Amino acid sequence: MRVYTAHLRPGRPACLVKEGFSLAAFLFGPLWLFAHRAWIAGVIALAVLVALLALGSALPASPIPGILIAGYAGLMGVNGRDLLRWSLARRGFTETYVVAGRDAEAAHGRLLTRDPALASEELA
């Protein structure tokens, strides 16, 4: 079973965000955030990545920049979904429920079972 947080905003369908490590955020970092419309977090993550790359070009013979970039990628993988939740909160979504399911569709079905009023809200 996977665990999802349900973010709700009046007049909008529920948005489910999976808990845990994100391999896509680990591999693509800021691009993953931009793809999920987390613009502010994506710009900040991109600025940090550019700063780390600039540091890497200033110290070409040192292994430290590579270690820092690997650490950055690890942090993006661990915290990417939390940055997505933060971005949803900035857009007016509230984290209302925690649901579990084998996939997002099953979790969405459990969410509608828990709160049937959401089904009519999504049709509006």
PDB file of N, CA and C in Angstrom:
ATOM      1  N   MET A   1       0.836  -1.183   0.000  1.00  0.00           N
ATOM      2  CA  MET A   1       0.000   0.000   0.000  1.00  0.00           C
ATOM      3  C   MET A   1       0.879   1.244   0.000  1.00  0.00           C
ATOM      4  N   ARG A   2       0.478   2.209  -0.774  1.00  0.00           N
ATOM      5  CA  ARG A   2       1.168   3.490  -0.797  1.00  0.00           C
ATOM      6  C   ARG A   2       0.307   4.511  -0.054  1.00  0.00           C
ATOM      7  N   VAL A   3       0.963   5.456   0.554  1.00  0.00           N
ATOM      8  CA  VAL A   3       0.269   6.485   1.327  1.00  0.00           C
ATOM      9  C   VAL A   3       0.319   7.791   0.545  1.00  0.00           C
ATOM     10  N   TYR A   4      -0.829   8.471   0.500  1.00  0.00           N
ATOM     11  CA  TYR A   4      -0.962   9.732  -0.212  1.00  0.00           C
ATOM     12  C   TYR A   4      -1.563  10.769   0.726  1.00  0.00           C
ATOM     13  N   THR A   5      -1.193  12.026   0.523  1.00  0.00           N
ATOM     14  CA  THR A   5      -1.888  13.116   1.208  1.00  0.00           C
ATOM     15  C   THR A   5      -2.837  13.742   0.193  1.00  0.00           C
ATOM     16  N   ALA A   6      -4.034  14.041   0.642  1.00  0.00           N
ATOM     17  CA  ALA A   6      -5.058  14.645  -0.221  1.00  0.00           C
ATOM     18  C   ALA A   6      -5.123  16.135   0.076  1.00  0.00           C
ATOM     19  N   HIS A   7      -4.963  16.918  -0.971  1.00  0.00           N
ATOM     20  CA  HIS A   7      -4.995  18.375  -0.856  1.00  0.00           C
ATOM     21  C   HIS A   7      -6.250  18.866  -1.569  1.00  0.00           C
ATOM     22  N   LEU A   8      -7.046  19.644  -0.846  1.00  0.00           N
ATOM     23  CA  LEU A   8      -8.338  20.089  -1.371  1.00  0.00           C
ATOM     24  C   LEU A   8      -8.394  21.599  -1.466  1.00  0.00           C
ATOM     25  N   ARG A   9      -9.126  22.049  -2.471  1.00  0.00           N
ATOM     26  CA  ARG A   9      -9.404  23.469  -2.662  1.00  0.00           C
ATOM     27  C   ARG A   9     -10.817  23.551  -3.227  1.00  0.00           C
ATOM     28  N   PRO A  10     -11.654  24.430  -2.685  1.00  0.00           N
ATOM     29  CA  PRO A  10     -13.047  24.503  -3.160  1.00  0.00           C
ATOM     30  C   PRO A  10     -13.127  24.719  -4.669  1.00  0.00           C
ATOM     31  N   GLY A  11     -13.977  23.914  -5.301  1.00  0.00           N
ATOM     32  CA  GLY A  11     -14.192  24.044  -6.734  1.00  0.00           C
ATOM     33  C   GLY A  11     -13.147  23.355  -7.586  1.00  0.00           C
ATOM     34  N   ARG A  12     -12.167  22.705  -6.981  1.00  0.00           N
ATOM     35  CA  ARG A  12     -11.109  22.022  -7.729  1.00  0.00           C
ATOM     36  C   ARG A  12     -11.096  20.553  -7.333  1.00  0.00           C
ATOM     37  N   PRO A  13     -10.671  19.673  -8.234  1.00  0.00           N
ATOM     38  CA  PRO A  13     -10.565  18.263  -7.848  1.00  0.00           C
ATOM     39  C   PRO A  13      -9.458  18.057  -6.817  1.00  0.00           C
ATOM     40  N   ALA A  14      -9.580  17.003  -6.055  1.00  0.00           N
ATOM     41  CA  ALA A  14      -8.571  16.693  -5.043  1.00  0.00           C
ATOM     42  C   ALA A  14      -7.243  16.381  -5.721  1.00  0.00           C
ATOM     43  N   CYS A  15      -6.170  16.807  -5.093  1.00  0.00           N
ATOM     44  CA  CYS A  15      -4.824  16.559  -5.585  1.00  0.00           C
ATOM     45  C   CYS A  15      -4.140  15.610  -4.607  1.00  0.00           C
ATOM     46  N   LEU A  16      -3.699  14.454  -5.102  1.00  0.00           N
ATOM     47  CA  LEU A  16      -3.031  13.467  -4.254  1.00  0.00           C
ATOM     48  C   LEU A  16      -1.524  13.546  -4.468  1.00  0.00           C
ATOM     49  N   VAL A  17      -0.783  13.564  -3.367  1.00  0.00           N
ATOM     50  CA  VAL A  17       0.682  13.578  -3.425  1.00  0.00           C
ATOM     51  C   VAL A  17       1.182  12.369  -2.658  1.00  0.00           C
ATOM     52  N   LYS A  18       1.978  11.538  -3.329  1.00  0.00           N
ATOM     53  CA  LYS A  18       2.493  10.316  -2.717  1.00  0.00           C
ATOM     54  C   LYS A  18       3.571  10.648  -1.691  1.00  0.00           C
ATOM     55  N   GLU A  19       3.602   9.864  -0.631  1.00  0.00           N
ATOM     56  CA  GLU A  19       4.636   9.999   0.394  1.00  0.00           C
ATOM     57  C   GLU A  19       5.895   9.263  -0.054  1.00  0.00           C
ATOM     58  N   GLY A  20       7.032   9.720   0.435  1.00  0.00           N
ATOM     59  CA  GLY A  20       8.271   8.982   0.237  1.00  0.00           C
ATOM     60  C   GLY A  20       9.212   9.587  -0.781  1.00  0.00           C
ATOM     61  N   PHE A  21      10.262   8.826  -1.074  1.00  0.00           N
ATOM     62  CA  PHE A  21      11.330   9.240  -1.977  1.00  0.00           C
ATOM     63  C   PHE A  21      10.815   9.333  -3.405  1.00  0.00           C
ATOM     64  N   SER A  22      11.278  10.359  -4.132  1.00  0.00           N
ATOM     65  CA  SER A  22      10.910  10.522  -5.527  1.00  0.00           C
ATOM     66  C   SER A  22      12.145  10.357  -6.400  1.00  0.00           C
ATOM     67  N   LEU A  23      12.191   9.279  -7.159  1.00  0.00           N
ATOM     68  CA  LEU A  23      13.315   9.038  -8.048  1.00  0.00           C
ATOM     69  C   LEU A  23      13.392  10.111  -9.134  1.00  0.00           C
ATOM     70  N   ALA A  24      12.235  10.553  -9.636  1.00  0.00           N
ATOM     71  CA  ALA A  24      12.222  11.583 -10.672  1.00  0.00           C
ATOM     72  C   ALA A  24      12.781  12.906 -10.134  1.00  0.00           C
ATOM     73  N   ALA A  25      12.435  13.261  -8.897  1.00  0.00           N
ATOM     74  CA  ALA A  25      12.983  14.482  -8.301  1.00  0.00           C
ATOM     75  C   ALA A  25      14.482  14.329  -8.075  1.00  0.00           C
ATOM     76  N   PHE A  26      14.929  13.132  -7.718  1.00  0.00           N
ATOM     77  CA  PHE A  26      16.352  12.855  -7.541  1.00  0.00           C
ATOM     78  C   PHE A  26      17.103  13.049  -8.856  1.00  0.00           C
ATOM     79  N   LEU A  27      16.544  12.546  -9.951  1.00  0.00           N
ATOM     80  CA  LEU A  27      17.228  12.598 -11.237  1.00  0.00           C
ATOM     81  C   LEU A  27      17.105  13.946 -11.939  1.00  0.00           C
ATOM     82  N   PHE A  28      15.949  14.596 -11.833  1.00  0.00           N
ATOM     83  CA  PHE A  28      15.694  15.792 -12.630  1.00  0.00           C
ATOM     84  C   PHE A  28      15.577  17.079 -11.824  1.00  0.00           C
ATOM     85  N   GLY A  29      15.488  16.992 -10.506  1.00  0.00           N
ATOM     86  CA  GLY A  29      15.504  18.152  -9.620  1.00  0.00           C
ATOM     87  C   GLY A  29      14.540  19.259  -9.995  1.00  0.00           C
ATOM     88  N   PRO A  30      15.078  20.437 -10.356  1.00  0.00           N
ATOM     89  CA  PRO A  30      14.217  21.588 -10.657  1.00  0.00           C
ATOM     90  C   PRO A  30      13.246  21.329 -11.810  1.00  0.00           C
ATOM     91  N   LEU A  31      13.656  20.558 -12.805  1.00  0.00           N
ATOM     92  CA  LEU A  31      12.747  20.276 -13.925  1.00  0.00           C
ATOM     93  C   LEU A  31      11.516  19.515 -13.450  1.00  0.00           C
ATOM     94  N   TRP A  32      11.692  18.607 -12.493  1.00  0.00           N
ATOM     95  CA  TRP A  32      10.569  17.870 -11.924  1.00  0.00           C
ATOM     96  C   TRP A  32       9.622  18.828 -11.212  1.00  0.00           C
ATOM     97  N   LEU A  33      10.186  19.788 -10.469  1.00  0.00           N
ATOM     98  CA  LEU A  33       9.350  20.769  -9.779  1.00  0.00           C
ATOM     99  C   LEU A  33       8.584  21.632 -10.776  1.00  0.00           C
ATOM    100  N   PHE A  34       9.252  22.066 -11.855  1.00  0.00           N
ATOM    101  CA  PHE A  34       8.569  22.869 -12.873  1.00  0.00           C
ATOM    102  C   PHE A  34       7.450  22.068 -13.539  1.00  0.00           C
ATOM    103  N   ALA A  35       7.673  20.787 -13.773  1.00  0.00           N
ATOM    104  CA  ALA A  35       6.650  19.941 -14.392  1.00  0.00           C
ATOM    105  C   ALA A  35       5.415  19.803 -13.500  1.00  0.00           C
ATOM    106  N   HIS A  36       5.592  19.949 -12.186  1.00  0.00           N
ATOM    107  CA  HIS A  36       4.477  19.858 -11.248  1.00  0.00           C
ATOM    108  C   HIS A  36       3.971  21.243 -10.825  1.00  0.00           C
ATOM    109  N   ARG A  37       4.349  22.272 -11.549  1.00  0.00           N
ATOM    110  CA  ARG A  37       3.895  23.647 -11.329  1.00  0.00           C
ATOM    111  C   ARG A  37       4.301  24.198  -9.962  1.00  0.00           C
ATOM    112  N   ALA A  38       5.420  23.740  -9.436  1.00  0.00           N
ATOM    113  CA  ALA A  38       5.970  24.265  -8.182  1.00  0.00           C
ATOM    114  C   ALA A  38       7.034  25.296  -8.572  1.00  0.00           C
ATOM    115  N   TRP A  39       6.582  26.445  -9.060  1.00  0.00           N
ATOM    116  CA  TRP A  39       7.462  27.428  -9.696  1.00  0.00           C
ATOM    117  C   TRP A  39       8.480  28.026  -8.729  1.00  0.00           C
ATOM    118  N   ILE A  40       8.044  28.471  -7.578  1.00  0.00           N
ATOM    119  CA  ILE A  40       8.961  29.132  -6.640  1.00  0.00           C
ATOM    120  C   ILE A  40      10.008  28.136  -6.133  1.00  0.00           C
ATOM    121  N   ALA A  41       9.570  26.974  -5.731  1.00  0.00           N
ATOM    122  CA  ALA A  41      10.506  25.945  -5.268  1.00  0.00           C
ATOM    123  C   ALA A  41      11.457  25.546  -6.391  1.00  0.00           C
ATOM    124  N   GLY A  42      10.959  25.480  -7.622  1.00  0.00           N
ATOM    125  CA  GLY A  42      11.801  25.125  -8.758  1.00  0.00           C
ATOM    126  C   GLY A  42      12.870  26.170  -9.038  1.00  0.00           C
ATOM    127  N   VAL A  43      12.504  27.439  -8.938  1.00  0.00           N
ATOM    128  CA  VAL A  43      13.478  28.511  -9.166  1.00  0.00           C
ATOM    129  C   VAL A  43      14.549  28.482  -8.087  1.00  0.00           C
ATOM    130  N   ILE A  44      14.156  28.283  -6.843  1.00  0.00           N
ATOM    131  CA  ILE A  44      15.133  28.213  -5.744  1.00  0.00           C
ATOM    132  C   ILE A  44      16.044  27.000  -5.931  1.00  0.00           C
ATOM    133  N   ALA A  45      15.468  25.852  -6.275  1.00  0.00           N
ATOM    134  CA  ALA A  45      16.275  24.647  -6.494  1.00  0.00           C
ATOM    135  C   ALA A  45      17.230  24.831  -7.670  1.00  0.00           C
ATOM    136  N   LEU A  46      16.781  25.507  -8.722  1.00  0.00           N
ATOM    137  CA  LEU A  46      17.641  25.770  -9.869  1.00  0.00           C
ATOM    138  C   LEU A  46      18.778  26.707  -9.497  1.00  0.00           C
ATOM    139  N   ALA A  47      18.490  27.729  -8.690  1.00  0.00           N
ATOM    140  CA  ALA A  47      19.538  28.650  -8.249  1.00  0.00           C
ATOM    141  C   ALA A  47      20.592  27.931  -7.416  1.00  0.00           C
ATOM    142  N   VAL A  48      20.167  27.037  -6.548  1.00  0.00           N
ATOM    143  CA  VAL A  48      21.118  26.264  -5.739  1.00  0.00           C
ATOM    144  C   VAL A  48      21.962  25.364  -6.640  1.00  0.00           C
ATOM    145  N   LEU A  49      21.339  24.727  -7.620  1.00  0.00           N
ATOM    146  CA  LEU A  49      22.071  23.860  -8.535  1.00  0.00           C
ATOM    147  C   LEU A  49      23.096  24.650  -9.338  1.00  0.00           C
ATOM    148  N   VAL A  50      22.721  25.824  -9.833  1.00  0.00           N
ATOM    149  CA  VAL A  50      23.654  26.672 -10.582  1.00  0.00           C
ATOM    150  C   VAL A  50      24.819  27.096  -9.694  1.00  0.00           C
ATOM    151  N   ALA A  51      24.540  27.429  -8.441  1.00  0.00           N
ATOM    152  CA  ALA A  51      25.617  27.811  -7.513  1.00  0.00           C
ATOM    153  C   ALA A  51      26.571  26.632  -7.284  1.00  0.00           C
ATOM    154  N   LEU A  52      26.020  25.430  -7.144  1.00  0.00           N
ATOM    155  CA  LEU A  52      26.878  24.258  -6.963  1.00  0.00           C
ATOM    156  C   LEU A  52      27.706  23.965  -8.208  1.00  0.00           C
ATOM    157  N   LEU A  53      27.125  24.157  -9.382  1.00  0.00           N
ATOM    158  CA  LEU A  53      27.872  23.953 -10.623  1.00  0.00           C
ATOM    159  C   LEU A  53      28.957  25.012 -10.791  1.00  0.00           C
ATOM    160  N   ALA A  54      28.674  26.245 -10.383  1.00  0.00           N
ATOM    161  CA  ALA A  54      29.695  27.299 -10.433  1.00  0.00           C
ATOM    162  C   ALA A  54      30.839  26.972  -9.479  1.00  0.00           C
ATOM    163  N   LEU A  55      30.509  26.462  -8.317  1.00  0.00           N
ATOM    164  CA  LEU A  55      31.537  26.047  -7.371  1.00  0.00           C
ATOM    165  C   LEU A  55      32.370  24.908  -7.958  1.00  0.00           C
ATOM    166  N   GLY A  56      31.715  24.006  -8.662  1.00  0.00           N
ATOM    167  CA  GLY A  56      32.416  22.893  -9.294  1.00  0.00           C
ATOM    168  C   GLY A  56      33.394  23.346 -10.360  1.00  0.00           C
ATOM    169  N   SER A  57      33.037  24.383 -11.107  1.00  0.00           N
ATOM    170  CA  SER A  57      33.962  24.885 -12.124  1.00  0.00           C
ATOM    171  C   SER A  57      35.112  25.674 -11.498  1.00  0.00           C
ATOM    172  N   ALA A  58      34.907  26.219 -10.311  1.00  0.00           N
ATOM    173  CA  ALA A  58      35.975  26.965  -9.630  1.00  0.00           C
ATOM    174  C   ALA A  58      36.985  26.026  -8.980  1.00  0.00           C
ATOM    175  N   LEU A  59      36.567  24.819  -8.641  1.00  0.00           N
ATOM    176  CA  LEU A  59      37.449  23.843  -7.990  1.00  0.00           C
ATOM    177  C   LEU A  59      37.505  22.560  -8.822  1.00  0.00           C
ATOM    178  N   PRO A  60      38.142  22.595 -10.011  1.00  0.00           N
ATOM    179  CA  PRO A  60      38.083  21.419 -10.895  1.00  0.00           C
ATOM    180  C   PRO A  60      38.824  20.192 -10.379  1.00  0.00           C
ATOM    181  N   ALA A  61      39.841  20.360  -9.538  1.00  0.00           N
ATOM    182  CA  ALA A  61      40.633  19.212  -9.102  1.00  0.00           C
ATOM    183  C   ALA A  61      40.130  18.621  -7.788  1.00  0.00           C
ATOM    184  N   SER A  62      39.064  19.157  -7.255  1.00  0.00           N
ATOM    185  CA  SER A  62      38.579  18.720  -5.952  1.00  0.00           C
ATOM    186  C   SER A  62      37.330  17.840  -6.102  1.00  0.00           C
ATOM    187  N   PRO A  63      37.195  16.814  -5.268  1.00  0.00           N
ATOM    188  CA  PRO A  63      35.981  15.989  -5.314  1.00  0.00           C
ATOM    189  C   PRO A  63      34.796  16.610  -4.564  1.00  0.00           C
ATOM    190  N   ILE A  64      35.020  17.708  -3.875  1.00  0.00           N
ATOM    191  CA  ILE A  64      33.967  18.312  -3.048  1.00  0.00           C
ATOM    192  C   ILE A  64      32.740  18.732  -3.865  1.00  0.00           C
ATOM    193  N   PRO A  65      32.891  19.404  -5.036  1.00  0.00           N
ATOM    194  CA  PRO A  65      31.677  19.778  -5.786  1.00  0.00           C
ATOM    195  C   PRO A  65      30.828  18.574  -6.205  1.00  0.00           C
ATOM    196  N   GLY A  66      31.454  17.479  -6.577  1.00  0.00           N
ATOM    197  CA  GLY A  66      30.694  16.279  -6.940  1.00  0.00           C
ATOM    198  C   GLY A  66      29.931  15.721  -5.759  1.00  0.00           C
ATOM    199  N   ILE A  67      30.560  15.764  -4.603  1.00  0.00           N
ATOM    200  CA  ILE A  67      29.899  15.293  -3.386  1.00  0.00           C
ATOM    201  C   ILE A  67      28.717  16.199  -3.048  1.00  0.00           C
ATOM    202  N   LEU A  68      28.902  17.510  -3.212  1.00  0.00           N
ATOM    203  CA  LEU A  68      27.813  18.452  -2.929  1.00  0.00           C
ATOM    204  C   LEU A  68      26.644  18.260  -3.894  1.00  0.00           C
ATOM    205  N   ILE A  69      26.937  18.035  -5.164  1.00  0.00           N
ATOM    206  CA  ILE A  69      25.863  17.840  -6.143  1.00  0.00           C
ATOM    207  C   ILE A  69      25.137  16.518  -5.881  1.00  0.00           C
ATOM    208  N   ALA A  70      25.876  15.484  -5.497  1.00  0.00           N
ATOM    209  CA  ALA A  70      25.226  14.210  -5.147  1.00  0.00           C
ATOM    210  C   ALA A  70      24.334  14.388  -3.913  1.00  0.00           C
ATOM    211  N   GLY A  71      24.813  15.156  -2.937  1.00  0.00           N
ATOM    212  CA  GLY A  71      24.000  15.445  -1.756  1.00  0.00           C
ATOM    213  C   GLY A  71      22.764  16.250  -2.106  1.00  0.00           C
ATOM    214  N   TYR A  72      22.928  17.212  -3.019  1.00  0.00           N
ATOM    215  CA  TYR A  72      21.795  18.012  -3.498  1.00  0.00           C
ATOM    216  C   TYR A  72      20.744  17.115  -4.149  1.00  0.00           C
ATOM    217  N   ALA A  73      21.202  16.197  -5.010  1.00  0.00           N
ATOM    218  CA  ALA A  73      20.262  15.287  -5.677  1.00  0.00           C
ATOM    219  C   ALA A  73      19.548  14.412  -4.651  1.00  0.00           C
ATOM    220  N   GLY A  74      20.279  13.947  -3.651  1.00  0.00           N
ATOM    221  CA  GLY A  74      19.651  13.147  -2.600  1.00  0.00           C
ATOM    222  C   GLY A  74      18.599  13.926  -1.837  1.00  0.00           C
ATOM    223  N   LEU A  75      18.913  15.175  -1.512  1.00  0.00           N
ATOM    224  CA  LEU A  75      17.929  16.022  -0.817  1.00  0.00           C
ATOM    225  C   LEU A  75      16.707  16.288  -1.680  1.00  0.00           C
ATOM    226  N   MET A  76      16.909  16.463  -2.981  1.00  0.00           N
ATOM    227  CA  MET A  76      15.764  16.668  -3.866  1.00  0.00           C
ATOM    228  C   MET A  76      14.883  15.417  -3.895  1.00  0.00           C
ATOM    229  N   GLY A  77      15.497  14.244  -3.911  1.00  0.00           N
ATOM    230  CA  GLY A  77      14.722  13.012  -3.917  1.00  0.00           C
ATOM    231  C   GLY A  77      13.924  12.812  -2.642  1.00  0.00           C
ATOM    232  N   VAL A  78      14.535  13.161  -1.510  1.00  0.00           N
ATOM    233  CA  VAL A  78      13.878  12.984  -0.216  1.00  0.00           C
ATOM    234  C   VAL A  78      12.825  14.064   0.027  1.00  0.00           C
ATOM    235  N   ASN A  79      13.117  15.301  -0.352  1.00  0.00           N
ATOM    236  CA  ASN A  79      12.238  16.432  -0.019  1.00  0.00           C
ATOM    237  C   ASN A  79      11.421  16.961  -1.193  1.00  0.00           C
ATOM    238  N   GLY A  80      11.537  16.369  -2.361  1.00  0.00           N
ATOM    239  CA  GLY A  80      10.819  16.873  -3.534  1.00  0.00           C
ATOM    240  C   GLY A  80       9.316  16.904  -3.347  1.00  0.00           C
ATOM    241  N   ARG A  81       8.759  15.863  -2.799  1.00  0.00           N
ATOM    242  CA  ARG A  81       7.298  15.823  -2.601  1.00  0.00           C
ATOM    243  C   ARG A  81       6.856  16.810  -1.521  1.00  0.00           C
ATOM    244  N   ASP A  82       7.724  17.058  -0.541  1.00  0.00           N
ATOM    245  CA  ASP A  82       7.393  18.070   0.471  1.00  0.00           C
ATOM    246  C   ASP A  82       7.383  19.465  -0.150  1.00  0.00           C
ATOM    247  N   LEU A  83       8.292  19.721  -1.085  1.00  0.00           N
ATOM    248  CA  LEU A  83       8.289  20.998  -1.800  1.00  0.00           C
ATOM    249  C   LEU A  83       7.023  21.129  -2.644  1.00  0.00           C
ATOM    250  N   LEU A  84       6.568  20.020  -3.196  1.00  0.00           N
ATOM    251  CA  LEU A  84       5.320  20.029  -3.952  1.00  0.00           C
ATOM    252  C   LEU A  84       4.132  20.335  -3.041  1.00  0.00           C
ATOM    253  N   ARG A  85       4.119  19.754  -1.848  1.00  0.00           N
ATOM    254  CA  ARG A  85       3.047  20.056  -0.880  1.00  0.00           C
ATOM    255  C   ARG A  85       3.075  21.532  -0.490  1.00  0.00           C
ATOM    256  N   TRP A  86       4.271  22.069  -0.282  1.00  0.00           N
ATOM    257  CA  TRP A  86       4.408  23.480   0.067  1.00  0.00           C
ATOM    258  C   TRP A  86       3.859  24.366  -1.049  1.00  0.00           C
ATOM    259  N   SER A  87       4.150  24.009  -2.281  1.00  0.00           N
ATOM    260  CA  SER A  87       3.649  24.773  -3.420  1.00  0.00           C
ATOM    261  C   SER A  87       2.124  24.699  -3.514  1.00  0.00           C
ATOM    262  N   LEU A  88       1.559  23.532  -3.255  1.00  0.00           N
ATOM    263  CA  LEU A  88       0.097  23.412  -3.256  1.00  0.00           C
ATOM    264  C   LEU A  88      -0.524  24.270  -2.157  1.00  0.00           C
ATOM    265  N   ALA A  89       0.099  24.309  -0.994  1.00  0.00           N
ATOM    266  CA  ALA A  89      -0.407  25.142   0.105  1.00  0.00           C
ATOM    267  C   ALA A  89      -0.368  26.618  -0.284  1.00  0.00           C
ATOM    268  N   ARG A  90       0.663  27.030  -0.999  1.00  0.00           N
ATOM    269  CA  ARG A  90       0.753  28.426  -1.447  1.00  0.00           C
ATOM    270  C   ARG A  90      -0.343  28.756  -2.460  1.00  0.00           C
ATOM    271  N   ARG A  91      -0.802  27.752  -3.203  1.00  0.00           N
ATOM    272  CA  ARG A  91      -1.863  27.969  -4.185  1.00  0.00           C
ATOM    273  C   ARG A  91      -3.253  27.833  -3.585  1.00  0.00           C
ATOM    274  N   GLY A  92      -3.352  27.658  -2.275  1.00  0.00           N
ATOM    275  CA  GLY A  92      -4.650  27.634  -1.618  1.00  0.00           C
ATOM    276  C   GLY A  92      -5.199  26.255  -1.317  1.00  0.00           C
ATOM    277  N   PHE A  93      -4.460  25.203  -1.595  1.00  0.00           N
ATOM    278  CA  PHE A  93      -4.909  23.851  -1.269  1.00  0.00           C
ATOM    279  C   PHE A  93      -4.608  23.579   0.202  1.00  0.00           C
ATOM    280  N   THR A  94      -5.505  22.862   0.857  1.00  0.00           N
ATOM    281  CA  THR A  94      -5.265  22.481   2.249  1.00  0.00           C
ATOM    282  C   THR A  94      -5.108  20.965   2.314  1.00  0.00           C
ATOM    283  N   GLU A  95      -4.131  20.536   3.094  1.00  0.00           N
ATOM    284  CA  GLU A  95      -3.917  19.107   3.290  1.00  0.00           C
ATOM    285  C   GLU A  95      -4.985  18.615   4.253  1.00  0.00           C
ATOM    286  N   THR A  96      -5.922  17.828   3.735  1.00  0.00           N
ATOM    287  CA  THR A  96      -7.094  17.464   4.497  1.00  0.00           C
ATOM    288  C   THR A  96      -7.086  16.023   4.970  1.00  0.00           C
ATOM    289  N   TYR A  97      -6.715  15.110   4.110  1.00  0.00           N
ATOM    290  CA  TYR A  97      -6.776  13.690   4.439  1.00  0.00           C
ATOM    291  C   TYR A  97      -5.456  13.007   4.117  1.00  0.00           C
ATOM    292  N   VAL A  98      -5.242  11.874   4.765  1.00  0.00           N
ATOM    293  CA  VAL A  98      -4.176  10.943   4.412  1.00  0.00           C
ATOM    294  C   VAL A  98      -4.873   9.646   4.043  1.00  0.00           C
ATOM    295  N   VAL A  99      -4.646   9.173   2.818  1.00  0.00           N
ATOM    296  CA  VAL A  99      -5.299   7.955   2.339  1.00  0.00           C
ATOM    297  C   VAL A  99      -4.246   6.985   1.828  1.00  0.00           C
ATOM    298  N   ALA A 100      -4.601   5.719   1.820  1.00  0.00           N
ATOM    299  CA  ALA A 100      -3.695   4.676   1.335  1.00  0.00           C
ATOM    300  C   ALA A 100      -4.389   3.890   0.235  1.00  0.00           C
ATOM    301  N   GLY A 101      -3.590   3.387  -0.688  1.00  0.00           N
ATOM    302  CA  GLY A 101      -4.105   2.567  -1.771  1.00  0.00           C
ATOM    303  C   GLY A 101      -2.952   1.960  -2.543  1.00  0.00           C
ATOM    304  N   ARG A 102      -3.263   0.947  -3.360  1.00  0.00           N
ATOM    305  CA  ARG A 102      -2.186   0.318  -4.123  1.00  0.00           C
ATOM    306  C   ARG A 102      -1.652   1.235  -5.204  1.00  0.00           C
ATOM    307  N   ASP A 103      -2.471   2.204  -5.661  1.00  0.00           N
ATOM    308  CA  ASP A 103      -2.036   3.230  -6.603  1.00  0.00           C
ATOM    309  C   ASP A 103      -2.877   4.482  -6.363  1.00  0.00           C
ATOM    310  N   ALA A 104      -2.633   5.530  -7.142  1.00  0.00           N
ATOM    311  CA  ALA A 104      -3.338   6.799  -6.927  1.00  0.00           C
ATOM    312  C   ALA A 104      -4.842   6.658  -7.165  1.00  0.00           C
ATOM    313  N   GLU A 105      -5.217   5.836  -8.131  1.00  0.00           N
ATOM    314  CA  GLU A 105      -6.646   5.661  -8.421  1.00  0.00           C
ATOM    315  C   GLU A 105      -7.373   4.995  -7.254  1.00  0.00           C
ATOM    316  N   ALA A 106      -6.766   3.976  -6.665  1.00  0.00           N
ATOM    317  CA  ALA A 106      -7.376   3.302  -5.512  1.00  0.00           C
ATOM    318  C   ALA A 106      -7.441   4.240  -4.313  1.00  0.00           C
ATOM    319  N   ALA A 107      -6.397   5.054  -4.126  1.00  0.00           N
ATOM    320  CA  ALA A 107      -6.400   6.015  -3.024  1.00  0.00           C
ATOM    321  C   ALA A 107      -7.477   7.071  -3.246  1.00  0.00           C
ATOM    322  N   HIS A 108      -7.665   7.477  -4.493  1.00  0.00           N
ATOM    323  CA  HIS A 108      -8.718   8.457  -4.791  1.00  0.00           C
ATOM    324  C   HIS A 108     -10.089   7.853  -4.515  1.00  0.00           C
ATOM    325  N   GLY A 109     -10.273   6.585  -4.842  1.00  0.00           N
ATOM    326  CA  GLY A 109     -11.535   5.900  -4.533  1.00  0.00           C
ATOM    327  C   GLY A 109     -11.786   5.842  -3.033  1.00  0.00           C
ATOM    328  N   ARG A 110     -10.745   5.575  -2.253  1.00  0.00           N
ATOM    329  CA  ARG A 110     -10.900   5.575  -0.783  1.00  0.00           C
ATOM    330  C   ARG A 110     -11.233   6.963  -0.269  1.00  0.00           C
ATOM    331  N   LEU A 111     -10.645   7.976  -0.887  1.00  0.00           N
ATOM    332  CA  LEU A 111     -10.938   9.354  -0.482  1.00  0.00           C
ATOM    333  C   LEU A 111     -12.408   9.673  -0.721  1.00  0.00           C
ATOM    334  N   LEU A 112     -12.936   9.259  -1.874  1.00  0.00           N
ATOM    335  CA  LEU A 112     -14.343   9.509  -2.173  1.00  0.00           C
ATOM    336  C   LEU A 112     -15.259   8.695  -1.265  1.00  0.00           C
ATOM    337  N   THR A 113     -14.812   7.504  -0.844  1.00  0.00           N
ATOM    338  CA  THR A 113     -15.592   6.707   0.102  1.00  0.00           C
ATOM    339  C   THR A 113     -15.625   7.380   1.465  1.00  0.00           C
ATOM    340  N   ARG A 114     -14.502   7.960   1.849  1.00  0.00           N
ATOM    341  CA  ARG A 114     -14.411   8.631   3.152  1.00  0.00           C
ATOM    342  C   ARG A 114     -15.249   9.908   3.168  1.00  0.00           C
ATOM    343  N   ASP A 115     -15.227  10.666   2.073  1.00  0.00           N
ATOM    344  CA  ASP A 115     -15.956  11.933   2.017  1.00  0.00           C
ATOM    345  C   ASP A 115     -16.721  12.011   0.698  1.00  0.00           C
ATOM    346  N   PRO A 116     -17.942  11.471   0.632  1.00  0.00           N
ATOM    347  CA  PRO A 116     -18.703  11.434  -0.620  1.00  0.00           C
ATOM    348  C   PRO A 116     -19.034  12.810  -1.182  1.00  0.00           C
ATOM    349  N   ALA A 117     -18.995  13.841  -0.355  1.00  0.00           N
ATOM    350  CA  ALA A 117     -19.286  15.188  -0.861  1.00  0.00           C
ATOM    351  C   ALA A 117     -18.252  15.639  -1.889  1.00  0.00           C
ATOM    352  N   LEU A 118     -17.059  15.066  -1.863  1.00  0.00           N
ATOM    353  CA  LEU A 118     -16.039  15.439  -2.821  1.00  0.00           C
ATOM    354  C   LEU A 118     -16.417  15.036  -4.246  1.00  0.00           C
ATOM    355  N   ALA A 119     -17.170  13.978  -4.409  1.00  0.00           N
ATOM    356  CA  ALA A 119     -17.566  13.514  -5.748  1.00  0.00           C
ATOM    357  C   ALA A 119     -18.426  14.564  -6.432  1.00  0.00           C
ATOM    358  N   SER A 120     -19.374  15.156  -5.715  1.00  0.00           N
ATOM    359  CA  SER A 120     -20.216  16.181  -6.324  1.00  0.00           C
ATOM    360  C   SER A 120     -19.428  17.470  -6.555  1.00  0.00           C
ATOM    361  N   GLU A 121     -18.429  17.732  -5.702  1.00  0.00           N
ATOM    362  CA  GLU A 121     -17.612  18.936  -5.855  1.00  0.00           C
ATOM    363  C   GLU A 121     -16.753  18.840  -7.110  1.00  0.00           C
ATOM    364  N   GLU A 122     -16.264  17.629  -7.458  1.00  0.00           N
ATOM    365  CA  GLU A 122     -15.430  17.465  -8.623  1.00  0.00           C
ATOM    366  C   GLU A 122     -16.221  17.561  -9.911  1.00  0.00           C
ATOM    367  N   LEU A 123     -17.514  17.243  -9.866  1.00  0.00           N
ATOM    368  CA  LEU A 123     -18.344  17.324 -11.060  1.00  0.00           C
ATOM    369  C   LEU A 123     -18.749  18.753 -11.367  1.00  0.00           C
ATOM    370  N   ALA A 124     -18.687  19.637 -10.378  1.00  0.00           N
ATOM    371  CA  ALA A 124     -19.131  21.021 -10.578  1.00  0.00           C
ATOM    372  C   ALA A 124     -18.152  21.789 -11.459  1.00  0.00           C
TER     373      ALA A 124
END
